[in-house]
């Protein structure tokens, strides 16, 4: 549920206005070609 709320909020912002990091401090970046990106299981 929190992921959906966060996603809904971030859709209202420009990409350059925020950064997302994981629990261990890794920064997530947008893939070069989002359509061919493996989104996991």
C-alpha atoms as a PDB file:
ATOM      1  CA  UNK A   1       0.000   0.000   0.000  1.00  0.00           C
ATOM      2  CA  UNK A   2       2.786   2.455   0.833  1.00  0.00           C
ATOM      3  CA  UNK A   3       4.366   1.852  -2.593  1.00  0.00           C
ATOM      4  CA  UNK A   4       1.101   2.829  -4.288  1.00  0.00           C
ATOM      5  CA  UNK A   5       0.787   5.986  -2.198  1.00  0.00           C
ATOM      6  CA  UNK A   6       4.386   6.933  -2.886  1.00  0.00           C
ATOM      7  CA  UNK A   7       3.953   6.289  -6.616  1.00  0.00           C
ATOM      8  CA  UNK A   8       0.770   8.358  -6.755  1.00  0.00           C
ATOM      9  CA  UNK A   9       2.531  11.250  -5.032  1.00  0.00           C
ATOM     10  CA  UNK A  10       5.669  11.049  -7.191  1.00  0.00           C
ATOM     11  CA  UNK A  11       3.603  11.153 -10.391  1.00  0.00           C
ATOM     12  CA  UNK A  12       2.806  14.760  -9.480  1.00  0.00           C
ATOM     13  CA  UNK A  13       6.518  15.684  -9.341  1.00  0.00           C
ATOM     14  CA  UNK A  14       9.177  16.210 -11.997  1.00  0.00           C
ATOM     15  CA  UNK A  15      11.840  13.473 -12.150  1.00  0.00           C
ATOM     16  CA  UNK A  16      14.577  15.908 -11.233  1.00  0.00           C
ATOM     17  CA  UNK A  17      12.834  16.892  -7.986  1.00  0.00           C
ATOM     18  CA  UNK A  18      13.450  13.618  -6.136  1.00  0.00           C
ATOM     19  CA  UNK A  19      15.725  10.606  -5.726  1.00  0.00           C
ATOM     20  CA  UNK A  20      14.739   7.153  -4.552  1.00  0.00           C
ATOM     21  CA  UNK A  21      17.074   4.959  -2.552  1.00  0.00           C
ATOM     22  CA  UNK A  22      16.773   1.447  -1.180  1.00  0.00           C
ATOM     23  CA  UNK A  23      16.943   0.515   2.487  1.00  0.00           C
ATOM     24  CA  UNK A  24      20.689  -0.037   2.137  1.00  0.00           C
ATOM     25  CA  UNK A  25      21.328   3.291   0.434  1.00  0.00           C
ATOM     26  CA  UNK A  26      21.524   2.257  -3.217  1.00  0.00           C
ATOM     27  CA  UNK A  27      20.115   4.811  -5.632  1.00  0.00           C
ATOM     28  CA  UNK A  28      17.622   3.594  -8.208  1.00  0.00           C
ATOM     29  CA  UNK A  29      17.928   4.979 -11.712  1.00  0.00           C
ATOM     30  CA  UNK A  30      15.577   4.822 -14.664  1.00  0.00           C
ATOM     31  CA  UNK A  31      16.651   2.209 -17.246  1.00  0.00           C
ATOM     32  CA  UNK A  32      17.688   3.391 -20.711  1.00  0.00           C
ATOM     33  CA  UNK A  33      14.709   1.593 -22.270  1.00  0.00           C
ATOM     34  CA  UNK A  34      11.932   1.200 -19.654  1.00  0.00           C
ATOM     35  CA  UNK A  35       9.781  -0.899 -22.016  1.00  0.00           C
ATOM     36  CA  UNK A  36      12.372  -3.679 -22.201  1.00  0.00           C
ATOM     37  CA  UNK A  37      13.363  -3.496 -18.517  1.00  0.00           C
ATOM     38  CA  UNK A  38      12.843  -6.709 -16.511  1.00  0.00           C
ATOM     39  CA  UNK A  39      10.517  -5.688 -13.677  1.00  0.00           C
ATOM     40  CA  UNK A  40      11.139  -8.839 -11.661  1.00  0.00           C
ATOM     41  CA  UNK A  41       9.126 -11.980 -10.922  1.00  0.00           C
END
